Amino acid sequence: EIIKHSAAPVNAFIVRGLAAKKIRIIEEARKSESLTIIILNYEAVFNLFEHLAAFKADAAVLDESTRIKNPKAQVSKVLCRLCARTTHRYIMTG
């Protein structure tokens, strides 16, 4: 859907599968020279922090913001560290 509705050329990567496959997908996304979107779940963010931290992101979009409402939770802490590296941050709910 992202590619279909984008006005600019875009590559969308869905990070899923076993850990090694997820890492390969992230590495492939890092090599992309066009607009790149990485889609993954909250648990993957926590487990793949080092690989995601190496990715230069301009924006972070987080769906289901209730998942990060506890600032003491590990996932919330990791996302705060990752999102601090971006220029734009968006959270959504509902």
PDB file of N, CA and C in Angstrom:
ATOM      1  N   GLU A   1       0.814  -1.191   0.000  1.00  0.00           N
ATOM      2  CA  GLU A   1       0.000   0.000   0.000  1.00  0.00           C
ATOM      3  C   GLU A   1       0.860   1.259   0.000  1.00  0.00           C
ATOM      4  N   ILE A   2       1.966   1.243   0.727  1.00  0.00           N
ATOM      5  CA  ILE A   2       2.842   2.418   0.773  1.00  0.00           C
ATOM      6  C   ILE A   2       3.371   2.732  -0.615  1.00  0.00           C
ATOM      7  N   ILE A   3       3.882   1.738  -1.280  1.00  0.00           N
ATOM      8  CA  ILE A   3       4.444   1.935  -2.620  1.00  0.00           C
ATOM      9  C   ILE A   3       3.352   2.406  -3.581  1.00  0.00           C
ATOM     10  N   LYS A   4       2.192   1.832  -3.472  1.00  0.00           N
ATOM     11  CA  LYS A   4       1.072   2.156  -4.357  1.00  0.00           C
ATOM     12  C   LYS A   4       0.655   3.624  -4.242  1.00  0.00           C
ATOM     13  N   HIS A   5       0.688   4.183  -3.039  1.00  0.00           N
ATOM     14  CA  HIS A   5       0.191   5.538  -2.809  1.00  0.00           C
ATOM     15  C   HIS A   5       1.287   6.593  -2.695  1.00  0.00           C
ATOM     16  N   SER A   6       2.523   6.230  -2.852  1.00  0.00           N
ATOM     17  CA  SER A   6       3.623   7.183  -2.726  1.00  0.00           C
ATOM     18  C   SER A   6       3.836   7.937  -4.033  1.00  0.00           C
ATOM     19  N   ALA A   7       4.066   9.247  -3.914  1.00  0.00           N
ATOM     20  CA  ALA A   7       4.342  10.070  -5.097  1.00  0.00           C
ATOM     21  C   ALA A   7       5.798   9.923  -5.532  1.00  0.00           C
ATOM     22  N   ALA A   8       6.663   9.536  -4.618  1.00  0.00           N
ATOM     23  CA  ALA A   8       8.096   9.380  -4.904  1.00  0.00           C
ATOM     24  C   ALA A   8       8.449   7.895  -4.942  1.00  0.00           C
ATOM     25  N   PRO A   9       9.555   7.557  -5.606  1.00  0.00           N
ATOM     26  CA  PRO A   9      10.012   6.159  -5.567  1.00  0.00           C
ATOM     27  C   PRO A   9      10.329   5.758  -4.119  1.00  0.00           C
ATOM     28  N   VAL A  10       9.860   4.621  -3.705  1.00  0.00           N
ATOM     29  CA  VAL A  10      10.054   4.185  -2.325  1.00  0.00           C
ATOM     30  C   VAL A  10      10.282   2.678  -2.281  1.00  0.00           C
ATOM     31  N   ASN A  11      11.121   2.269  -1.358  1.00  0.00           N
ATOM     32  CA  ASN A  11      11.324   0.850  -1.068  1.00  0.00           C
ATOM     33  C   ASN A  11      10.763   0.587   0.319  1.00  0.00           C
ATOM     34  N   ALA A  12       9.887  -0.381   0.439  1.00  0.00           N
ATOM     35  CA  ALA A  12       9.323  -0.760   1.734  1.00  0.00           C
ATOM     36  C   ALA A  12       9.810  -2.161   2.082  1.00  0.00           C
ATOM     37  N   PHE A  13      10.345  -2.303   3.276  1.00  0.00           N
ATOM     38  CA  PHE A  13      10.871  -3.584   3.750  1.00  0.00           C
ATOM     39  C   PHE A  13      10.082  -4.012   4.981  1.00  0.00           C
ATOM     40  N   ILE A  14       9.525  -5.201   4.945  1.00  0.00           N
ATOM     41  CA  ILE A  14       8.823  -5.752   6.097  1.00  0.00           C
ATOM     42  C   ILE A  14       9.778  -6.714   6.785  1.00  0.00           C
ATOM     43  N   VAL A  15      10.130  -6.397   8.019  1.00  0.00           N
ATOM     44  CA  VAL A  15      11.094  -7.197   8.778  1.00  0.00           C
ATOM     45  C   VAL A  15      10.325  -8.288   9.514  1.00  0.00           C
ATOM     46  N   ARG A  16      10.482  -9.530   9.026  1.00  0.00           N
ATOM     47  CA  ARG A  16       9.812 -10.667   9.653  1.00  0.00           C
ATOM     48  C   ARG A  16      10.623 -11.928   9.390  1.00  0.00           C
ATOM     49  N   GLY A  17      10.309 -12.953  10.146  1.00  0.00           N
ATOM     50  CA  GLY A  17      11.034 -14.209  10.011  1.00  0.00           C
ATOM     51  C   GLY A  17      11.935 -14.439  11.209  1.00  0.00           C
ATOM     52  N   LEU A  18      12.865 -15.373  11.051  1.00  0.00           N
ATOM     53  CA  LEU A  18      13.824 -15.655  12.119  1.00  0.00           C
ATOM     54  C   LEU A  18      14.850 -14.531  12.193  1.00  0.00           C
ATOM     55  N   ALA A  19      15.608 -14.492  13.279  1.00  0.00           N
ATOM     56  CA  ALA A  19      16.545 -13.390  13.534  1.00  0.00           C
ATOM     57  C   ALA A  19      17.497 -13.136  12.371  1.00  0.00           C
ATOM     58  N   ALA A  20      18.085 -14.173  11.815  1.00  0.00           N
ATOM     59  CA  ALA A  20      19.046 -13.995  10.715  1.00  0.00           C
ATOM     60  C   ALA A  20      18.382 -13.355   9.498  1.00  0.00           C
ATOM     61  N   LYS A  21      17.160 -13.751   9.214  1.00  0.00           N
ATOM     62  CA  LYS A  21      16.439 -13.168   8.077  1.00  0.00           C
ATOM     63  C   LYS A  21      16.123 -11.701   8.348  1.00  0.00           C
ATOM     64  N   LYS A  22      15.728 -11.382   9.570  1.00  0.00           N
ATOM     65  CA  LYS A  22      15.434  -9.990   9.925  1.00  0.00           C
ATOM     66  C   LYS A  22      16.667  -9.117   9.740  1.00  0.00           C
ATOM     67  N   ILE A  23      17.815  -9.619  10.148  1.00  0.00           N
ATOM     68  CA  ILE A  23      19.066  -8.866  10.000  1.00  0.00           C
ATOM     69  C   ILE A  23      19.375  -8.652   8.526  1.00  0.00           C
ATOM     70  N   ARG A  24      19.199  -9.672   7.707  1.00  0.00           N
ATOM     71  CA  ARG A  24      19.436  -9.532   6.257  1.00  0.00           C
ATOM     72  C   ARG A  24      18.523  -8.469   5.642  1.00  0.00           C
ATOM     73  N   ILE A  25      17.283  -8.441   6.060  1.00  0.00           N
ATOM     74  CA  ILE A  25      16.340  -7.453   5.531  1.00  0.00           C
ATOM     75  C   ILE A  25      16.775  -6.041   5.919  1.00  0.00           C
ATOM     76  N   ILE A  26      17.179  -5.853   7.158  1.00  0.00           N
ATOM     77  CA  ILE A  26      17.634  -4.529   7.606  1.00  0.00           C
ATOM     78  C   ILE A  26      18.886  -4.111   6.850  1.00  0.00           C
ATOM     79  N   GLU A  27      19.815  -5.033   6.657  1.00  0.00           N
ATOM     80  CA  GLU A  27      21.039  -4.712   5.911  1.00  0.00           C
ATOM     81  C   GLU A  27      20.716  -4.352   4.465  1.00  0.00           C
ATOM     82  N   GLU A  28      19.777  -5.047   3.864  1.00  0.00           N
ATOM     83  CA  GLU A  28      19.357  -4.726   2.499  1.00  0.00           C
ATOM     84  C   GLU A  28      18.728  -3.329   2.453  1.00  0.00           C
ATOM     85  N   ALA A  29      17.934  -3.003   3.447  1.00  0.00           N
ATOM     86  CA  ALA A  29      17.304  -1.679   3.509  1.00  0.00           C
ATOM     87  C   ALA A  29      18.354  -0.578   3.644  1.00  0.00           C
ATOM     88  N   ARG A  30      19.390  -0.834   4.408  1.00  0.00           N
ATOM     89  CA  ARG A  30      20.465   0.162   4.588  1.00  0.00           C
ATOM     90  C   ARG A  30      21.159   0.480   3.279  1.00  0.00           C
ATOM     91  N   LYS A  31      21.201  -0.463   2.354  1.00  0.00           N
ATOM     92  CA  LYS A  31      21.880  -0.270   1.072  1.00  0.00           C
ATOM     93  C   LYS A  31      21.020   0.484   0.059  1.00  0.00           C
ATOM     94  N   SER A  32      19.749   0.609   0.335  1.00  0.00           N
ATOM     95  CA  SER A  32      18.833   1.264  -0.597  1.00  0.00           C
ATOM     96  C   SER A  32      19.171   2.748  -0.717  1.00  0.00           C
ATOM     97  N   GLU A  33      19.149   3.248  -1.939  1.00  0.00           N
ATOM     98  CA  GLU A  33      19.471   4.652  -2.171  1.00  0.00           C
ATOM     99  C   GLU A  33      18.232   5.524  -2.326  1.00  0.00           C
ATOM    100  N   SER A  34      17.069   4.918  -2.448  1.00  0.00           N
ATOM    101  CA  SER A  34      15.845   5.707  -2.546  1.00  0.00           C
ATOM    102  C   SER A  34      15.184   5.784  -1.167  1.00  0.00           C
ATOM    103  N   LEU A  35      14.064   6.471  -1.108  1.00  0.00           N
ATOM    104  CA  LEU A  35      13.305   6.560   0.130  1.00  0.00           C
ATOM    105  C   LEU A  35      13.037   5.146   0.631  1.00  0.00           C
ATOM    106  N   THR A  36      13.353   4.892   1.882  1.00  0.00           N
ATOM    107  CA  THR A  36      13.253   3.540   2.425  1.00  0.00           C
ATOM    108  C   THR A  36      12.374   3.537   3.662  1.00  0.00           C
ATOM    109  N   ILE A  37      11.476   2.594   3.718  1.00  0.00           N
ATOM    110  CA  ILE A  37      10.598   2.424   4.869  1.00  0.00           C
ATOM    111  C   ILE A  37      10.804   1.013   5.400  1.00  0.00           C
ATOM    112  N   ILE A  38      11.031   0.928   6.714  1.00  0.00           N
ATOM    113  CA  ILE A  38      11.190  -0.370   7.372  1.00  0.00           C
ATOM    114  C   ILE A  38       9.992  -0.561   8.296  1.00  0.00           C
ATOM    115  N   ILE A  39       9.318  -1.679   8.157  1.00  0.00           N
ATOM    116  CA  ILE A  39       8.141  -1.982   8.967  1.00  0.00           C
ATOM    117  C   ILE A  39       8.475  -3.181   9.844  1.00  0.00           C
ATOM    118  N   LEU A  40       8.321  -3.011  11.163  1.00  0.00           N
ATOM    119  CA  LEU A  40       8.602  -4.110  12.078  1.00  0.00           C
ATOM    120  C   LEU A  40       7.815  -3.941  13.358  1.00  0.00           C
ATOM    121  N   ASN A  41       7.735  -4.996  14.143  1.00  0.00           N
ATOM    122  CA  ASN A  41       6.979  -4.925  15.389  1.00  0.00           C
ATOM    123  C   ASN A  41       7.875  -4.454  16.537  1.00  0.00           C
ATOM    124  N   TYR A  42       7.240  -4.137  17.650  1.00  0.00           N
ATOM    125  CA  TYR A  42       7.975  -3.598  18.792  1.00  0.00           C
ATOM    126  C   TYR A  42       9.026  -4.567  19.328  1.00  0.00           C
ATOM    127  N   GLU A  43       8.708  -5.836  19.365  1.00  0.00           N
ATOM    128  CA  GLU A  43       9.655  -6.824  19.880  1.00  0.00           C
ATOM    129  C   GLU A  43      10.906  -6.884  19.015  1.00  0.00           C
ATOM    130  N   ALA A  44      10.748  -6.758  17.716  1.00  0.00           N
ATOM    131  CA  ALA A  44      11.904  -6.775  16.813  1.00  0.00           C
ATOM    132  C   ALA A  44      12.799  -5.572  17.060  1.00  0.00           C
ATOM    133  N   VAL A  45      12.214  -4.433  17.371  1.00  0.00           N
ATOM    134  CA  VAL A  45      13.011  -3.233  17.657  1.00  0.00           C
ATOM    135  C   VAL A  45      13.933  -3.509  18.839  1.00  0.00           C
ATOM    136  N   PHE A  46      13.390  -4.107  19.871  1.00  0.00           N
ATOM    137  CA  PHE A  46      14.189  -4.408  21.058  1.00  0.00           C
ATOM    138  C   PHE A  46      15.312  -5.391  20.735  1.00  0.00           C
ATOM    139  N   ASN A  47      14.990  -6.449  20.004  1.00  0.00           N
ATOM    140  CA  ASN A  47      15.973  -7.497  19.717  1.00  0.00           C
ATOM    141  C   ASN A  47      17.011  -7.104  18.675  1.00  0.00           C
ATOM    142  N   LEU A  48      16.691  -6.157  17.813  1.00  0.00           N
ATOM    143  CA  LEU A  48      17.588  -5.781  16.708  1.00  0.00           C
ATOM    144  C   LEU A  48      18.134  -4.364  16.862  1.00  0.00           C
ATOM    145  N   PHE A  49      18.180  -3.883  18.078  1.00  0.00           N
ATOM    146  CA  PHE A  49      18.581  -2.493  18.322  1.00  0.00           C
ATOM    147  C   PHE A  49      19.884  -2.109  17.619  1.00  0.00           C
ATOM    148  N   GLU A  50      20.922  -2.909  17.761  1.00  0.00           N
ATOM    149  CA  GLU A  50      22.229  -2.560  17.187  1.00  0.00           C
ATOM    150  C   GLU A  50      22.155  -2.404  15.670  1.00  0.00           C
ATOM    151  N   HIS A  51      21.433  -3.265  15.023  1.00  0.00           N
ATOM    152  CA  HIS A  51      21.307  -3.191  13.560  1.00  0.00           C
ATOM    153  C   HIS A  51      20.479  -1.980  13.145  1.00  0.00           C
ATOM    154  N   LEU A  52      19.440  -1.692  13.899  1.00  0.00           N
ATOM    155  CA  LEU A  52      18.603  -0.533  13.584  1.00  0.00           C
ATOM    156  C   LEU A  52      19.327   0.774  13.895  1.00  0.00           C
ATOM    157  N   ALA A  53      20.148   0.776  14.927  1.00  0.00           N
ATOM    158  CA  ALA A  53      20.882   1.987  15.298  1.00  0.00           C
ATOM    159  C   ALA A  53      21.870   2.388  14.208  1.00  0.00           C
ATOM    160  N   ALA A  54      22.339   1.441  13.431  1.00  0.00           N
ATOM    161  CA  ALA A  54      23.273   1.739  12.341  1.00  0.00           C
ATOM    162  C   ALA A  54      22.562   2.334  11.129  1.00  0.00           C
ATOM    163  N   PHE A  55      21.244   2.263  11.120  1.00  0.00           N
ATOM    164  CA  PHE A  55      20.433   2.772  10.013  1.00  0.00           C
ATOM    165  C   PHE A  55      20.164   4.253  10.249  1.00  0.00           C
ATOM    166  N   LYS A  56      20.473   5.098   9.277  1.00  0.00           N
ATOM    167  CA  LYS A  56      20.219   6.535   9.396  1.00  0.00           C
ATOM    168  C   LYS A  56      18.774   6.814   9.001  1.00  0.00           C
ATOM    169  N   ALA A  57      17.940   7.098   9.983  1.00  0.00           N
ATOM    170  CA  ALA A  57      16.520   7.345   9.726  1.00  0.00           C
ATOM    171  C   ALA A  57      16.200   8.823   9.908  1.00  0.00           C
ATOM    172  N   ASP A  58      15.377   9.352   9.028  1.00  0.00           N
ATOM    173  CA  ASP A  58      14.922  10.733   9.156  1.00  0.00           C
ATOM    174  C   ASP A  58      13.677  10.834  10.029  1.00  0.00           C
ATOM    175  N   ALA A  59      12.898   9.758  10.069  1.00  0.00           N
ATOM    176  CA  ALA A  59      11.648   9.791  10.827  1.00  0.00           C
ATOM    177  C   ALA A  59      11.354   8.427  11.432  1.00  0.00           C
ATOM    178  N   ALA A  60      10.593   8.458  12.512  1.00  0.00           N
ATOM    179  CA  ALA A  60      10.092   7.234  13.134  1.00  0.00           C
ATOM    180  C   ALA A  60       8.586   7.392  13.286  1.00  0.00           C
ATOM    181  N   VAL A  61       7.853   6.390  12.863  1.00  0.00           N
ATOM    182  CA  VAL A  61       6.397   6.388  12.998  1.00  0.00           C
ATOM    183  C   VAL A  61       6.031   5.159  13.819  1.00  0.00           C
ATOM    184  N   LEU A  62       5.410   5.384  14.956  1.00  0.00           N
ATOM    185  CA  LEU A  62       5.051   4.288  15.853  1.00  0.00           C
ATOM    186  C   LEU A  62       3.534   4.179  15.933  1.00  0.00           C
ATOM    187  N   ASP A  63       3.026   3.018  15.595  1.00  0.00           N
ATOM    188  CA  ASP A  63       1.591   2.766  15.693  1.00  0.00           C
ATOM    189  C   ASP A  63       1.308   2.164  17.062  1.00  0.00           C
ATOM    190  N   GLU A  64       0.075   2.250  17.494  1.00  0.00           N
ATOM    191  CA  GLU A  64      -0.326   1.704  18.797  1.00  0.00           C
ATOM    192  C   GLU A  64       0.556   2.268  19.912  1.00  0.00           C
ATOM    193  N   SER A  65       0.461   3.562  20.106  1.00  0.00           N
ATOM    194  CA  SER A  65       1.317   4.253  21.075  1.00  0.00           C
ATOM    195  C   SER A  65       1.154   3.741  22.503  1.00  0.00           C
ATOM    196  N   THR A  66       0.070   3.046  22.792  1.00  0.00           N
ATOM    197  CA  THR A  66      -0.091   2.502  24.138  1.00  0.00           C
ATOM    198  C   THR A  66       0.998   1.486  24.466  1.00  0.00           C
ATOM    199  N   ARG A  67       1.641   0.926  23.441  1.00  0.00           N
ATOM    200  CA  ARG A  67       2.713  -0.050  23.653  1.00  0.00           C
ATOM    201  C   ARG A  67       3.958   0.586  24.261  1.00  0.00           C
ATOM    202  N   ILE A  68       4.070   1.911  24.194  1.00  0.00           N
ATOM    203  CA  ILE A  68       5.269   2.579  24.709  1.00  0.00           C
ATOM    204  C   ILE A  68       4.939   3.554  25.837  1.00  0.00           C
ATOM    205  N   LYS A  69       3.776   3.398  26.462  1.00  0.00           N
ATOM    206  CA  LYS A  69       3.369   4.369  27.474  1.00  0.00           C
ATOM    207  C   LYS A  69       4.145   4.239  28.784  1.00  0.00           C
ATOM    208  N   ASN A  70       4.725   3.095  29.047  1.00  0.00           N
ATOM    209  CA  ASN A  70       5.490   2.902  30.279  1.00  0.00           C
ATOM    210  C   ASN A  70       6.956   3.245  30.019  1.00  0.00           C
ATOM    211  N   PRO A  71       7.440   4.385  30.525  1.00  0.00           N
ATOM    212  CA  PRO A  71       8.825   4.789  30.255  1.00  0.00           C
ATOM    213  C   PRO A  71       9.871   3.863  30.880  1.00  0.00           C
ATOM    214  N   LYS A  72       9.458   2.998  31.793  1.00  0.00           N
ATOM    215  CA  LYS A  72      10.400   2.072  32.425  1.00  0.00           C
ATOM    216  C   LYS A  72      10.530   0.755  31.657  1.00  0.00           C
ATOM    217  N   ALA A  73       9.636   0.515  30.720  1.00  0.00           N
ATOM    218  CA  ALA A  73       9.663  -0.733  29.947  1.00  0.00           C
ATOM    219  C   ALA A  73      10.859  -0.739  29.001  1.00  0.00           C
ATOM    220  N   GLN A  74      11.456  -1.910  28.806  1.00  0.00           N
ATOM    221  CA  GLN A  74      12.642  -2.043  27.955  1.00  0.00           C
ATOM    222  C   GLN A  74      12.384  -1.570  26.528  1.00  0.00           C
ATOM    223  N   VAL A  75      11.246  -1.941  25.955  1.00  0.00           N
ATOM    224  CA  VAL A  75      10.935  -1.539  24.579  1.00  0.00           C
ATOM    225  C   VAL A  75      10.837  -0.018  24.488  1.00  0.00           C
ATOM    226  N   SER A  76      10.219   0.612  25.474  1.00  0.00           N
ATOM    227  CA  SER A  76      10.109   2.076  25.478  1.00  0.00           C
ATOM    228  C   SER A  76      11.483   2.726  25.540  1.00  0.00           C
ATOM    229  N   LYS A  77      12.354   2.202  26.360  1.00  0.00           N
ATOM    230  CA  LYS A  77      13.709   2.759  26.480  1.00  0.00           C
ATOM    231  C   LYS A  77      14.483   2.637  25.171  1.00  0.00           C
ATOM    232  N   VAL A  78      14.399   1.479  24.542  1.00  0.00           N
ATOM    233  CA  VAL A  78      15.100   1.258  23.274  1.00  0.00           C
ATOM    234  C   VAL A  78      14.547   2.186  22.195  1.00  0.00           C
ATOM    235  N   LEU A  79      13.230   2.307  22.125  1.00  0.00           N
ATOM    236  CA  LEU A  79      12.631   3.190  21.124  1.00  0.00           C
ATOM    237  C   LEU A  79      12.997   4.649  21.367  1.00  0.00           C
ATOM    238  N   CYS A  80      13.079   5.053  22.612  1.00  0.00           N
ATOM    239  CA  CYS A  80      13.510   6.428  22.914  1.00  0.00           C
ATOM    240  C   CYS A  80      14.915   6.667  22.377  1.00  0.00           C
ATOM    241  N   ARG A  81      15.786   5.713  22.566  1.00  0.00           N
ATOM    242  CA  ARG A  81      17.163   5.852  22.067  1.00  0.00           C
ATOM    243  C   ARG A  81      17.196   5.914  20.548  1.00  0.00           C
ATOM    244  N   LEU A  82      16.424   5.078  19.890  1.00  0.00           N
ATOM    245  CA  LEU A  82      16.395   5.089  18.424  1.00  0.00           C
ATOM    246  C   LEU A  82      15.748   6.365  17.890  1.00  0.00           C
ATOM    247  N   CYS A  83      14.629   6.735  18.469  1.00  0.00           N
ATOM    248  CA  CYS A  83      13.903   7.909  17.976  1.00  0.00           C
ATOM    249  C   CYS A  83      14.665   9.206  18.231  1.00  0.00           C
ATOM    250  N   ALA A  84      15.509   9.238  19.225  1.00  0.00           N
ATOM    251  CA  ALA A  84      16.309  10.433  19.497  1.00  0.00           C
ATOM    252  C   ALA A  84      17.251  10.737  18.337  1.00  0.00           C
ATOM    253  N   ARG A  85      17.538   9.754  17.513  1.00  0.00           N
ATOM    254  CA  ARG A  85      18.439   9.925  16.367  1.00  0.00           C
ATOM    255  C   ARG A  85      17.717  10.449  15.124  1.00  0.00           C
ATOM    256  N   THR A  86      16.403  10.554  15.182  1.00  0.00           N
ATOM    257  CA  THR A  86      15.635  10.978  14.010  1.00  0.00           C
ATOM    258  C   THR A  86      15.243  12.447  14.123  1.00  0.00           C
ATOM    259  N   THR A  87      14.949  13.046  12.989  1.00  0.00           N
ATOM    260  CA  THR A  87      14.499  14.436  12.958  1.00  0.00           C
ATOM    261  C   THR A  87      13.011  14.535  13.275  1.00  0.00           C
ATOM    262  N   HIS A  88      12.243  13.572  12.805  1.00  0.00           N
ATOM    263  CA  HIS A  88      10.790  13.601  12.974  1.00  0.00           C
ATOM    264  C   HIS A  88      10.324  12.339  13.687  1.00  0.00           C
ATOM    265  N   ARG A  89       9.368  12.524  14.618  1.00  0.00           N
ATOM    266  CA  ARG A  89       8.811  11.396  15.364  1.00  0.00           C
ATOM    267  C   ARG A  89       7.293  11.525  15.392  1.00  0.00           C
ATOM    268  N   TYR A  90       6.618  10.437  15.074  1.00  0.00           N
ATOM    269  CA  TYR A  90       5.153  10.428  15.060  1.00  0.00           C
ATOM    270  C   TYR A  90       4.668   9.198  15.810  1.00  0.00           C
ATOM    271  N   ILE A  91       3.674   9.392  16.672  1.00  0.00           N
ATOM    272  CA  ILE A  91       3.040   8.242  17.310  1.00  0.00           C
ATOM    273  C   ILE A  91       1.548   8.290  16.990  1.00  0.00           C
ATOM    274  N   MET A  92       0.983   7.114  16.823  1.00  0.00           N
ATOM    275  CA  MET A  92      -0.435   7.022  16.451  1.00  0.00           C
ATOM    276  C   MET A  92      -1.133   6.025  17.360  1.00  0.00           C
ATOM    277  N   THR A  93      -2.413   6.183  17.466  1.00  0.00           N
ATOM    278  CA  THR A  93      -3.229   5.233  18.199  1.00  0.00           C
ATOM    279  C   THR A  93      -4.633   5.246  17.610  1.00  0.00           C
ATOM    280  N   GLY A  94      -5.369   4.205  17.908  1.00  0.00           N
ATOM    281  CA  GLY A  94      -6.763   4.190  17.465  1.00  0.00           C
ATOM    282  C   GLY A  94      -7.005   3.471  16.177  1.00  0.00           C
TER     283      GLY A  94
END
